[in-house]
Amino acid sequence: MDRPTFRREFLHPRHWPLWLGLGVLWLVVQLPYPALLGLGRALGALMYRAVGSRRAIAARNLELCFPELSAAERKRLLKENFASTGIAFFEMAMSWWWPKARLARLAHIEGIEHLKKAEAEGKGVILMAMHFTTLEIGAALLGQVQTIDGMYREHDNPVFDFVQRTGRERHNADATAIEREDVRAMLKVLRAGRAIWYAPDQDYGAKQSLFVPLFGIQAATVTATTKFARLGRALVLPFTQSRLADGSGYRLTIHPPLEDFPGESEEADCIRINQWVESEIRRQPEQYLWAHRRFKSRPEGEPKLYDKKK
């Protein structure tokens, strides 16, 4: 994709409310980091009460994935998850507008040597990530020390799309934003020995997926990770990130390459990926993006797991 460029049409009066909101947000995120964490938790509490449909989806996911917890325990986890989501709103703005040096002080990066080794050997890398609420700031922090290409879907609002892409790509000046459906471009960057961020942990429909267990439930799991690794002749490096409980920032971990991947079959690879996804979610369930219908697609003949209103 071409680099984002400012256009005169962005100044049209219909965009003024958005510009005003972005300006207020810019001012707010100049506050100290602890204050932003507090504001984020407050925003999350407000969202918990205001967005009933998303709360219902997240609650249903927790019910499906953690049946061993009591209703009271799941409710506490749900509230913590919304607090994490509220914090993520300000983390997004921090990643767009904070000075790079200020942002870098929050980063605790482990395993960068695995990326450097692959780069030195000219091997493409699929940085296999997950949809944690820290996704935006994690990508910004990693992008400051290593060029990472990414899949991108254009936002419907052109002003928001411009601001978002400009904010993201300032950390990754040499990175390439690839249209999410552009498989050919993705394979091209992998074969060129570059690294690309890719998250296979959501439900993208049954057509391009296999049903394998996740939290004991048959979940539509994309086979693209296997295909990209094979056709792109790329290594797969799991990548995890977490917001540290002591308020000191974020831990980003690049794990060693998966051995013998791709494996004997796409099904075996999908099972392996979901086992990793589940284990990482269990480490920090409050920081995962639960407001996604992860189990929306069902094997033929199985009942739906979400109410129609959800």
C-alpha atoms as a PDB file:
ATOM      1  CA  MET A   1       0.000   0.000   0.000  1.00  0.00           C
ATOM      2  CA  ASP A   2       1.086   3.586  -0.628  1.00  0.00           C
ATOM      3  CA  ARG A   3       2.158   5.724   2.316  1.00  0.00           C
ATOM      4  CA  PRO A   4      -0.650   7.760   3.921  1.00  0.00           C
ATOM      5  CA  THR A   5      -0.821  11.331   2.636  1.00  0.00           C
ATOM      6  CA  PHE A   6      -2.835  14.283   3.862  1.00  0.00           C
ATOM      7  CA  ARG A   7      -5.598  15.411   1.500  1.00  0.00           C
ATOM      8  CA  ARG A   8      -7.448  18.724   1.449  1.00  0.00           C
ATOM      9  CA  GLU A   9     -10.768  16.917   1.676  1.00  0.00           C
ATOM     10  CA  PHE A  10      -9.842  15.949   5.251  1.00  0.00           C
ATOM     11  CA  LEU A  11     -10.588  19.581   6.192  1.00  0.00           C
ATOM     12  CA  HIS A  12     -14.223  19.355   5.100  1.00  0.00           C
ATOM     13  CA  PRO A  13     -16.644  20.398   7.883  1.00  0.00           C
ATOM     14  CA  ARG A  14     -18.074  16.885   8.083  1.00  0.00           C
ATOM     15  CA  HIS A  15     -14.721  15.783   9.542  1.00  0.00           C
ATOM     16  CA  TRP A  16     -14.471  18.574  12.133  1.00  0.00           C
ATOM     17  CA  PRO A  17     -16.088  16.594  14.995  1.00  0.00           C
ATOM     18  CA  LEU A  18     -13.561  13.801  14.505  1.00  0.00           C
ATOM     19  CA  TRP A  19     -10.648  16.251  14.384  1.00  0.00           C
ATOM     20  CA  LEU A  20     -11.944  17.847  17.592  1.00  0.00           C
ATOM     21  CA  GLY A  21     -12.173  14.473  19.301  1.00  0.00           C
ATOM     22  CA  LEU A  22      -8.677  13.543  18.174  1.00  0.00           C
ATOM     23  CA  GLY A  23      -7.371  16.872  19.444  1.00  0.00           C
ATOM     24  CA  VAL A  24      -8.874  16.287  22.878  1.00  0.00           C
ATOM     25  CA  LEU A  25      -7.434  12.777  22.927  1.00  0.00           C
ATOM     26  CA  TRP A  26      -3.989  14.145  22.008  1.00  0.00           C
ATOM     27  CA  LEU A  27      -4.164  16.517  24.975  1.00  0.00           C
ATOM     28  CA  VAL A  28      -5.298  13.795  27.375  1.00  0.00           C
ATOM     29  CA  VAL A  29      -2.478  11.393  26.495  1.00  0.00           C
ATOM     30  CA  GLN A  30       0.114  13.980  27.484  1.00  0.00           C
ATOM     31  CA  LEU A  31      -0.734  13.018  31.074  1.00  0.00           C
ATOM     32  CA  PRO A  32       1.646  10.767  33.035  1.00  0.00           C
ATOM     33  CA  TYR A  33       1.395   7.055  32.319  1.00  0.00           C
ATOM     34  CA  PRO A  34      -0.096   6.109  35.740  1.00  0.00           C
ATOM     35  CA  ALA A  35      -2.863   8.666  35.213  1.00  0.00           C
ATOM     36  CA  LEU A  36      -3.661   7.180  31.809  1.00  0.00           C
ATOM     37  CA  LEU A  37      -3.901   3.723  33.341  1.00  0.00           C
ATOM     38  CA  GLY A  38      -6.410   5.072  35.842  1.00  0.00           C
ATOM     39  CA  LEU A  39      -8.411   6.854  33.156  1.00  0.00           C
ATOM     40  CA  GLY A  40      -8.402   3.690  31.076  1.00  0.00           C
ATOM     41  CA  ARG A  41      -9.808   1.633  33.907  1.00  0.00           C
ATOM     42  CA  ALA A  42     -12.520   4.248  34.437  1.00  0.00           C
ATOM     43  CA  LEU A  43     -13.346   4.206  30.725  1.00  0.00           C
ATOM     44  CA  GLY A  44     -13.510   0.419  30.855  1.00  0.00           C
ATOM     45  CA  ALA A  45     -15.996   0.567  33.735  1.00  0.00           C
ATOM     46  CA  LEU A  46     -18.144   2.939  31.680  1.00  0.00           C
ATOM     47  CA  MET A  47     -17.935   0.662  28.643  1.00  0.00           C
ATOM     48  CA  TYR A  48     -18.946  -2.303  30.785  1.00  0.00           C
ATOM     49  CA  ARG A  49     -22.231  -0.554  31.520  1.00  0.00           C
ATOM     50  CA  ALA A  50     -22.766   1.037  28.112  1.00  0.00           C
ATOM     51  CA  VAL A  51     -21.962  -1.593  25.475  1.00  0.00           C
ATOM     52  CA  GLY A  52     -24.293  -4.413  26.392  1.00  0.00           C
ATOM     53  CA  SER A  53     -23.904  -6.382  23.177  1.00  0.00           C
ATOM     54  CA  ARG A  54     -20.109  -6.612  23.451  1.00  0.00           C
ATOM     55  CA  ARG A  55     -20.335  -7.347  27.156  1.00  0.00           C
ATOM     56  CA  ALA A  56     -22.693 -10.227  26.376  1.00  0.00           C
ATOM     57  CA  ILE A  57     -20.290 -11.673  23.784  1.00  0.00           C
ATOM     58  CA  ALA A  58     -17.328 -11.433  26.150  1.00  0.00           C
ATOM     59  CA  ALA A  59     -19.338 -12.951  28.999  1.00  0.00           C
ATOM     60  CA  ARG A  60     -20.427 -15.847  26.788  1.00  0.00           C
ATOM     61  CA  ASN A  61     -16.838 -16.494  25.704  1.00  0.00           C
ATOM     62  CA  LEU A  62     -15.678 -16.605  29.315  1.00  0.00           C
ATOM     63  CA  GLU A  63     -18.538 -18.968  30.148  1.00  0.00           C
ATOM     64  CA  LEU A  64     -17.508 -21.282  27.305  1.00  0.00           C
ATOM     65  CA  CYS A  65     -13.769 -21.162  27.970  1.00  0.00           C
ATOM     66  CA  PHE A  66     -13.706 -21.152  31.775  1.00  0.00           C
ATOM     67  CA  PRO A  67     -16.565 -23.381  32.947  1.00  0.00           C
ATOM     68  CA  GLU A  68     -14.495 -24.270  36.015  1.00  0.00           C
ATOM     69  CA  LEU A  69     -14.855 -20.710  37.345  1.00  0.00           C
ATOM     70  CA  SER A  70     -17.862 -19.652  39.373  1.00  0.00           C
ATOM     71  CA  ALA A  71     -20.260 -17.046  37.989  1.00  0.00           C
ATOM     72  CA  ALA A  72     -18.828 -14.491  40.430  1.00  0.00           C
ATOM     73  CA  GLU A  73     -15.251 -15.248  39.328  1.00  0.00           C
ATOM     74  CA  ARG A  74     -16.171 -14.888  35.665  1.00  0.00           C
ATOM     75  CA  LYS A  75     -17.897 -11.576  36.374  1.00  0.00           C
ATOM     76  CA  ARG A  76     -14.759 -10.247  38.080  1.00  0.00           C
ATOM     77  CA  LEU A  77     -12.679 -11.416  35.124  1.00  0.00           C
ATOM     78  CA  LEU A  78     -15.107  -9.752  32.716  1.00  0.00           C
ATOM     79  CA  LYS A  79     -14.816  -6.427  34.540  1.00  0.00           C
ATOM     80  CA  GLU A  80     -11.027  -6.683  34.513  1.00  0.00           C
ATOM     81  CA  ASN A  81     -11.174  -7.394  30.801  1.00  0.00           C
ATOM     82  CA  PHE A  82     -13.191  -4.243  30.179  1.00  0.00           C
ATOM     83  CA  ALA A  83     -10.712  -2.279  32.297  1.00  0.00           C
ATOM     84  CA  SER A  84      -7.942  -3.619  30.066  1.00  0.00           C
ATOM     85  CA  THR A  85      -9.925  -2.631  26.978  1.00  0.00           C
ATOM     86  CA  GLY A  86     -10.373   0.893  28.321  1.00  0.00           C
ATOM     87  CA  ILE A  87      -6.636   1.189  28.933  1.00  0.00           C
ATOM     88  CA  ALA A  88      -6.039  -0.019  25.369  1.00  0.00           C
ATOM     89  CA  PHE A  89      -7.884   3.046  24.050  1.00  0.00           C
ATOM     90  CA  PHE A  90      -5.282   5.343  25.587  1.00  0.00           C
ATOM     91  CA  GLU A  91      -2.440   2.994  24.645  1.00  0.00           C
ATOM     92  CA  MET A  92      -3.528   3.393  21.042  1.00  0.00           C
ATOM     93  CA  ALA A  93      -3.172   7.168  21.325  1.00  0.00           C
ATOM     94  CA  MET A  94       0.139   6.831  23.176  1.00  0.00           C
ATOM     95  CA  SER A  95       1.520   4.703  20.355  1.00  0.00           C
ATOM     96  CA  TRP A  96       0.418   7.289  17.787  1.00  0.00           C
ATOM     97  CA  TRP A  97       1.601  10.470  19.480  1.00  0.00           C
ATOM     98  CA  TRP A  98       4.024   9.940  22.337  1.00  0.00           C
ATOM     99  CA  PRO A  99       7.659  10.827  21.561  1.00  0.00           C
ATOM    100  CA  LYS A 100       9.494   7.657  20.641  1.00  0.00           C
ATOM    101  CA  ALA A 101      11.958   7.964  23.513  1.00  0.00           C
ATOM    102  CA  ARG A 102       9.152   8.282  26.060  1.00  0.00           C
ATOM    103  CA  LEU A 103       7.390   5.268  24.623  1.00  0.00           C
ATOM    104  CA  ALA A 104      10.570   3.185  24.474  1.00  0.00           C
ATOM    105  CA  ARG A 105      11.044   3.496  28.244  1.00  0.00           C
ATOM    106  CA  LEU A 106       8.001   1.251  28.702  1.00  0.00           C
ATOM    107  CA  ALA A 107       9.386  -1.607  26.593  1.00  0.00           C
ATOM    108  CA  HIS A 108      10.854  -4.792  28.069  1.00  0.00           C
ATOM    109  CA  ILE A 109      11.721  -6.903  25.026  1.00  0.00           C
ATOM    110  CA  GLU A 110      12.862 -10.512  25.251  1.00  0.00           C
ATOM    111  CA  GLY A 111      13.987 -12.807  22.445  1.00  0.00           C
ATOM    112  CA  ILE A 112      14.829 -10.158  19.850  1.00  0.00           C
ATOM    113  CA  GLU A 113      17.852 -12.298  18.963  1.00  0.00           C
ATOM    114  CA  HIS A 114      15.535 -14.801  17.265  1.00  0.00           C
ATOM    115  CA  LEU A 115      14.355 -12.128  14.836  1.00  0.00           C
ATOM    116  CA  LYS A 116      17.880 -10.848  14.277  1.00  0.00           C
ATOM    117  CA  LYS A 117      19.155 -14.357  13.535  1.00  0.00           C
ATOM    118  CA  ALA A 118      16.435 -14.988  10.958  1.00  0.00           C
ATOM    119  CA  GLU A 119      17.148 -11.606   9.375  1.00  0.00           C
ATOM    120  CA  ALA A 120      20.883 -12.349   9.189  1.00  0.00           C
ATOM    121  CA  GLU A 121      20.138 -15.672   7.501  1.00  0.00           C
ATOM    122  CA  GLY A 122      17.796 -14.037   4.996  1.00  0.00           C
ATOM    123  CA  LYS A 123      14.770 -16.003   6.175  1.00  0.00           C
ATOM    124  CA  GLY A 124      11.262 -14.634   6.174  1.00  0.00           C
ATOM    125  CA  VAL A 125       9.422 -14.634   9.490  1.00  0.00           C
ATOM    126  CA  ILE A 126       5.764 -14.979  10.378  1.00  0.00           C
ATOM    127  CA  LEU A 127       5.528 -13.259  13.739  1.00  0.00           C
ATOM    128  CA  MET A 128       2.586 -15.280  15.038  1.00  0.00           C
ATOM    129  CA  ALA A 129       0.708 -12.994  17.394  1.00  0.00           C
ATOM    130  CA  MET A 130      -2.654 -12.853  19.143  1.00  0.00           C
ATOM    131  CA  HIS A 131      -5.403 -10.304  19.687  1.00  0.00           C
ATOM    132  CA  PHE A 132      -4.564  -9.074  23.150  1.00  0.00           C
ATOM    133  CA  THR A 133      -5.779  -5.627  24.188  1.00  0.00           C
ATOM    134  CA  THR A 134      -2.129  -4.503  24.133  1.00  0.00           C
ATOM    135  CA  LEU A 135      -1.907  -5.245  20.408  1.00  0.00           C
ATOM    136  CA  GLU A 136      -1.546  -1.621  19.260  1.00  0.00           C
ATOM    137  CA  ILE A 137       1.109  -0.505  21.704  1.00  0.00           C
ATOM    138  CA  GLY A 138       2.958  -3.810  21.454  1.00  0.00           C
ATOM    139  CA  ALA A 139       3.335  -3.393  17.702  1.00  0.00           C
ATOM    140  CA  ALA A 140       4.586   0.172  18.179  1.00  0.00           C
ATOM    141  CA  LEU A 141       7.189  -0.826  20.771  1.00  0.00           C
ATOM    142  CA  LEU A 142       8.490  -3.717  18.700  1.00  0.00           C
ATOM    143  CA  GLY A 143       8.505  -1.594  15.555  1.00  0.00           C
ATOM    144  CA  GLN A 144      10.992   0.773  17.177  1.00  0.00           C
ATOM    145  CA  VAL A 145      13.660  -1.932  17.281  1.00  0.00           C
ATOM    146  CA  GLN A 146      12.787  -4.165  14.322  1.00  0.00           C
ATOM    147  CA  THR A 147      11.086  -3.627  10.973  1.00  0.00           C
ATOM    148  CA  ILE A 148       7.834  -5.600  10.937  1.00  0.00           C
ATOM    149  CA  ASP A 149       5.409  -5.599   8.021  1.00  0.00           C
ATOM    150  CA  GLY A 150       1.722  -5.958   8.783  1.00  0.00           C
ATOM    151  CA  MET A 151      -1.638  -6.898   7.343  1.00  0.00           C
ATOM    152  CA  TYR A 152      -3.990  -3.928   7.136  1.00  0.00           C
ATOM    153  CA  ARG A 153      -7.644  -3.274   6.403  1.00  0.00           C
ATOM    154  CA  GLU A 154      -8.492   0.290   5.420  1.00  0.00           C
ATOM    155  CA  HIS A 155     -10.794   2.105   7.840  1.00  0.00           C
ATOM    156  CA  ASP A 156     -14.123   3.356   6.507  1.00  0.00           C
ATOM    157  CA  ASN A 157     -13.417   6.909   7.699  1.00  0.00           C
ATOM    158  CA  PRO A 158     -10.562   8.375   5.608  1.00  0.00           C
ATOM    159  CA  VAL A 159      -9.455  10.837   8.313  1.00  0.00           C
ATOM    160  CA  PHE A 160      -9.249   8.156  10.981  1.00  0.00           C
ATOM    161  CA  ASP A 161      -7.464   5.883   8.520  1.00  0.00           C
ATOM    162  CA  PHE A 162      -4.892   8.611   7.801  1.00  0.00           C
ATOM    163  CA  VAL A 163      -4.268   9.333  11.490  1.00  0.00           C
ATOM    164  CA  GLN A 164      -4.070   5.657  12.392  1.00  0.00           C
ATOM    165  CA  ARG A 165      -1.686   4.689   9.601  1.00  0.00           C
ATOM    166  CA  THR A 166       0.499   7.755  10.159  1.00  0.00           C
ATOM    167  CA  GLY A 167       0.696   6.979  13.866  1.00  0.00           C
ATOM    168  CA  ARG A 168       1.515   3.340  13.289  1.00  0.00           C
ATOM    169  CA  GLU A 169       4.021   3.716  10.490  1.00  0.00           C
ATOM    170  CA  ARG A 170       6.146   6.360  12.219  1.00  0.00           C
ATOM    171  CA  HIS A 171       7.608   3.523  14.308  1.00  0.00           C
ATOM    172  CA  ASN A 172       8.278   1.377  11.272  1.00  0.00           C
ATOM    173  CA  ALA A 173       9.580   3.698   8.571  1.00  0.00           C
ATOM    174  CA  ASP A 174      10.711   0.826   6.346  1.00  0.00           C
ATOM    175  CA  ALA A 175       7.674  -1.360   6.955  1.00  0.00           C
ATOM    176  CA  THR A 176       5.089  -2.330   4.369  1.00  0.00           C
ATOM    177  CA  ALA A 177       1.343  -2.248   5.020  1.00  0.00           C
ATOM    178  CA  ILE A 178      -0.230  -5.137   3.116  1.00  0.00           C
ATOM    179  CA  GLU A 179      -3.898  -5.372   2.222  1.00  0.00           C
ATOM    180  CA  ARG A 180      -5.354  -8.174   4.307  1.00  0.00           C
ATOM    181  CA  GLU A 181      -6.532 -10.101   1.250  1.00  0.00           C
ATOM    182  CA  ASP A 182      -3.324  -9.624  -0.764  1.00  0.00           C
ATOM    183  CA  VAL A 183      -1.790 -13.077  -0.369  1.00  0.00           C
ATOM    184  CA  ARG A 184       0.648 -12.548  -3.227  1.00  0.00           C
ATOM    185  CA  ALA A 185       2.157  -9.471  -1.550  1.00  0.00           C
ATOM    186  CA  MET A 186       2.495 -11.316   1.742  1.00  0.00           C
ATOM    187  CA  LEU A 187       4.369 -14.193   0.125  1.00  0.00           C
ATOM    188  CA  LYS A 188       6.587 -11.714  -1.696  1.00  0.00           C
ATOM    189  CA  VAL A 189       7.763 -10.025   1.507  1.00  0.00           C
ATOM    190  CA  LEU A 190       8.333 -13.375   3.217  1.00  0.00           C
ATOM    191  CA  ARG A 191      10.445 -14.659   0.340  1.00  0.00           C
ATOM    192  CA  ALA A 192      12.411 -11.404   0.499  1.00  0.00           C
ATOM    193  CA  GLY A 193      13.470 -12.313   4.034  1.00  0.00           C
ATOM    194  CA  ARG A 194      11.225  -9.848   5.856  1.00  0.00           C
ATOM    195  CA  ALA A 195       9.106 -10.313   8.981  1.00  0.00           C
ATOM    196  CA  ILE A 196       5.334  -9.931   9.006  1.00  0.00           C
ATOM    197  CA  TRP A 197       2.889  -9.701  11.916  1.00  0.00           C
ATOM    198  CA  TYR A 198       0.082 -12.246  11.628  1.00  0.00           C
ATOM    199  CA  ALA A 199      -2.579 -13.340  14.124  1.00  0.00           C
ATOM    200  CA  PRO A 200      -4.435 -16.627  13.453  1.00  0.00           C
ATOM    201  CA  ASP A 201      -6.505 -16.624  16.657  1.00  0.00           C
ATOM    202  CA  GLN A 202      -9.850 -15.279  15.403  1.00  0.00           C
ATOM    203  CA  ASP A 203     -12.803 -16.801  13.550  1.00  0.00           C
ATOM    204  CA  TYR A 204     -12.439 -15.929   9.856  1.00  0.00           C
ATOM    205  CA  GLY A 205     -15.177 -18.299   8.730  1.00  0.00           C
ATOM    206  CA  ALA A 206     -15.388 -22.010   8.038  1.00  0.00           C
ATOM    207  CA  LYS A 207     -14.472 -21.759   4.347  1.00  0.00           C
ATOM    208  CA  GLN A 208     -10.763 -21.148   4.934  1.00  0.00           C
ATOM    209  CA  SER A 209     -10.501 -22.997   8.234  1.00  0.00           C
ATOM    210  CA  LEU A 210     -10.490 -26.367   9.933  1.00  0.00           C
ATOM    211  CA  PHE A 211     -12.399 -27.160  13.111  1.00  0.00           C
ATOM    212  CA  VAL A 212      -9.996 -28.104  15.886  1.00  0.00           C
ATOM    213  CA  PRO A 213     -10.242 -27.791  19.681  1.00  0.00           C
ATOM    214  CA  LEU A 214      -9.738 -24.528  21.537  1.00  0.00           C
ATOM    215  CA  PHE A 215     -10.644 -24.577  25.228  1.00  0.00           C
ATOM    216  CA  GLY A 216     -12.288 -27.918  24.493  1.00  0.00           C
ATOM    217  CA  ILE A 217     -14.586 -26.415  21.839  1.00  0.00           C
ATOM    218  CA  GLN A 218     -14.383 -27.050  18.108  1.00  0.00           C
ATOM    219  CA  ALA A 219     -13.182 -23.700  16.724  1.00  0.00           C
ATOM    220  CA  ALA A 220     -12.778 -22.615  13.095  1.00  0.00           C
ATOM    221  CA  THR A 221      -9.013 -22.137  12.786  1.00  0.00           C
ATOM    222  CA  VAL A 222      -7.406 -20.688   9.678  1.00  0.00           C
ATOM    223  CA  THR A 223      -4.961 -22.883   7.786  1.00  0.00           C
ATOM    224  CA  ALA A 224      -3.195 -19.834   6.343  1.00  0.00           C
ATOM    225  CA  THR A 225      -0.315 -19.999   8.821  1.00  0.00           C
ATOM    226  CA  THR A 226       0.732 -23.337   7.363  1.00  0.00           C
ATOM    227  CA  LYS A 227       0.256 -22.178   3.773  1.00  0.00           C
ATOM    228  CA  PHE A 228       2.189 -18.944   4.272  1.00  0.00           C
ATOM    229  CA  ALA A 229       5.045 -20.717   6.047  1.00  0.00           C
ATOM    230  CA  ARG A 230       5.342 -23.320   3.301  1.00  0.00           C
ATOM    231  CA  LEU A 231       4.888 -21.091   0.255  1.00  0.00           C
ATOM    232  CA  GLY A 232       6.837 -18.193   1.756  1.00  0.00           C
ATOM    233  CA  ARG A 233       9.625 -20.499   2.972  1.00  0.00           C
ATOM    234  CA  ALA A 234       9.335 -18.720   6.310  1.00  0.00           C
ATOM    235  CA  LEU A 235       9.977 -19.406   9.970  1.00  0.00           C
ATOM    236  CA  VAL A 236       7.108 -19.068  12.445  1.00  0.00           C
ATOM    237  CA  LEU A 237       8.058 -17.211  15.628  1.00  0.00           C
ATOM    238  CA  PRO A 238       5.350 -16.972  18.302  1.00  0.00           C
ATOM    239  CA  PHE A 239       5.031 -13.467  19.735  1.00  0.00           C
ATOM    240  CA  THR A 240       3.367 -12.526  23.015  1.00  0.00           C
ATOM    241  CA  GLN A 241       2.892  -9.264  24.842  1.00  0.00           C
ATOM    242  CA  SER A 242       1.524  -8.230  28.212  1.00  0.00           C
ATOM    243  CA  ARG A 243       0.856  -5.126  30.264  1.00  0.00           C
ATOM    244  CA  LEU A 244       2.876  -5.442  33.458  1.00  0.00           C
ATOM    245  CA  ALA A 245       0.889  -5.383  36.682  1.00  0.00           C
ATOM    246  CA  ASP A 246       3.367  -3.085  38.451  1.00  0.00           C
ATOM    247  CA  GLY A 247       2.750  -0.277  35.958  1.00  0.00           C
ATOM    248  CA  SER A 248       6.297  -0.342  34.593  1.00  0.00           C
ATOM    249  CA  GLY A 249       5.277  -0.946  30.987  1.00  0.00           C
ATOM    250  CA  TYR A 250       5.037  -3.951  28.700  1.00  0.00           C
ATOM    251  CA  ARG A 251       6.817  -7.242  28.230  1.00  0.00           C
ATOM    252  CA  LEU A 252       7.201  -8.295  24.601  1.00  0.00           C
ATOM    253  CA  THR A 253       8.476 -11.812  24.004  1.00  0.00           C
ATOM    254  CA  ILE A 254       9.663 -13.220  20.683  1.00  0.00           C
ATOM    255  CA  HIS A 255       9.820 -16.968  21.140  1.00  0.00           C
ATOM    256  CA  PRO A 256      12.144 -19.351  19.256  1.00  0.00           C
ATOM    257  CA  PRO A 257      10.948 -20.593  15.842  1.00  0.00           C
ATOM    258  CA  LEU A 258       8.473 -23.452  15.891  1.00  0.00           C
ATOM    259  CA  GLU A 259      10.308 -26.665  15.125  1.00  0.00           C
ATOM    260  CA  ASP A 260       9.086 -28.944  12.332  1.00  0.00           C
ATOM    261  CA  PHE A 261       6.568 -26.397  11.106  1.00  0.00           C
ATOM    262  CA  PRO A 262       4.752 -26.872   8.814  1.00  0.00           C
ATOM    263  CA  GLY A 263       4.107 -30.348  10.128  1.00  0.00           C
ATOM    264  CA  GLU A 264       2.529 -33.498   8.776  1.00  0.00           C
ATOM    265  CA  SER A 265      -0.843 -31.910   8.056  1.00  0.00           C
ATOM    266  CA  GLU A 266      -2.736 -28.630   8.242  1.00  0.00           C
ATOM    267  CA  GLU A 267      -4.942 -30.128  10.929  1.00  0.00           C
ATOM    268  CA  ALA A 268      -1.955 -31.008  13.107  1.00  0.00           C
ATOM    269  CA  ASP A 269      -0.595 -27.483  12.651  1.00  0.00           C
ATOM    270  CA  CYS A 270      -3.944 -25.909  13.584  1.00  0.00           C
ATOM    271  CA  ILE A 271      -4.142 -28.051  16.712  1.00  0.00           C
ATOM    272  CA  ARG A 272      -0.622 -27.015  17.650  1.00  0.00           C
ATOM    273  CA  ILE A 273      -1.403 -23.331  17.111  1.00  0.00           C
ATOM    274  CA  ASN A 274      -4.579 -23.489  19.196  1.00  0.00           C
ATOM    275  CA  GLN A 275      -2.755 -25.244  22.016  1.00  0.00           C
ATOM    276  CA  TRP A 276      -0.296 -22.360  22.080  1.00  0.00           C
ATOM    277  CA  VAL A 277      -3.093 -19.769  21.848  1.00  0.00           C
ATOM    278  CA  GLU A 278      -4.964 -21.338  24.747  1.00  0.00           C
ATOM    279  CA  SER A 279      -1.892 -21.603  26.950  1.00  0.00           C
ATOM    280  CA  GLU A 280      -1.026 -17.930  26.403  1.00  0.00           C
ATOM    281  CA  ILE A 281      -4.585 -16.745  27.033  1.00  0.00           C
ATOM    282  CA  ARG A 282      -4.650 -18.658  30.308  1.00  0.00           C
ATOM    283  CA  ARG A 283      -1.568 -16.728  31.434  1.00  0.00           C
ATOM    284  CA  GLN A 284      -3.398 -13.394  31.196  1.00  0.00           C
ATOM    285  CA  PRO A 285      -7.085 -13.902  30.365  1.00  0.00           C
ATOM    286  CA  GLU A 286      -8.022 -10.392  31.480  1.00  0.00           C
ATOM    287  CA  GLN A 287      -5.932  -8.918  28.647  1.00  0.00           C
ATOM    288  CA  TYR A 288      -7.394 -10.957  25.790  1.00  0.00           C
ATOM    289  CA  LEU A 289      -9.918  -9.546  23.304  1.00  0.00           C
ATOM    290  CA  TRP A 290     -12.989 -11.496  24.395  1.00  0.00           C
ATOM    291  CA  ALA A 291     -15.542  -9.273  22.636  1.00  0.00           C
ATOM    292  CA  HIS A 292     -15.064 -11.261  19.405  1.00  0.00           C
ATOM    293  CA  ARG A 293     -17.357 -14.155  18.448  1.00  0.00           C
ATOM    294  CA  ARG A 294     -14.533 -16.670  18.433  1.00  0.00           C
ATOM    295  CA  PHE A 295     -16.894 -19.643  18.153  1.00  0.00           C
ATOM    296  CA  LYS A 296     -19.383 -18.131  15.711  1.00  0.00           C
ATOM    297  CA  SER A 297     -18.658 -20.661  12.945  1.00  0.00           C
ATOM    298  CA  ARG A 298     -19.865 -24.138  13.851  1.00  0.00           C
ATOM    299  CA  PRO A 299     -19.327 -27.585  12.347  1.00  0.00           C
ATOM    300  CA  GLU A 300     -22.263 -28.740  10.278  1.00  0.00           C
ATOM    301  CA  GLY A 301     -25.117 -29.864  12.482  1.00  0.00           C
ATOM    302  CA  GLU A 302     -23.882 -28.176  15.657  1.00  0.00           C
ATOM    303  CA  PRO A 303     -26.042 -25.499  17.330  1.00  0.00           C
ATOM    304  CA  LYS A 304     -25.037 -21.846  17.481  1.00  0.00           C
ATOM    305  CA  LEU A 305     -23.192 -20.813  20.634  1.00  0.00           C
ATOM    306  CA  TYR A 306     -24.278 -17.164  20.677  1.00  0.00           C
ATOM    307  CA  ASP A 307     -27.749 -15.697  20.956  1.00  0.00           C
ATOM    308  CA  LYS A 308     -28.898 -13.809  17.886  1.00  0.00           C
ATOM    309  CA  LYS A 309     -28.862 -10.547  19.841  1.00  0.00           C
ATOM    310  CA  LYS A 310     -25.183 -11.132  20.591  1.00  0.00           C
END
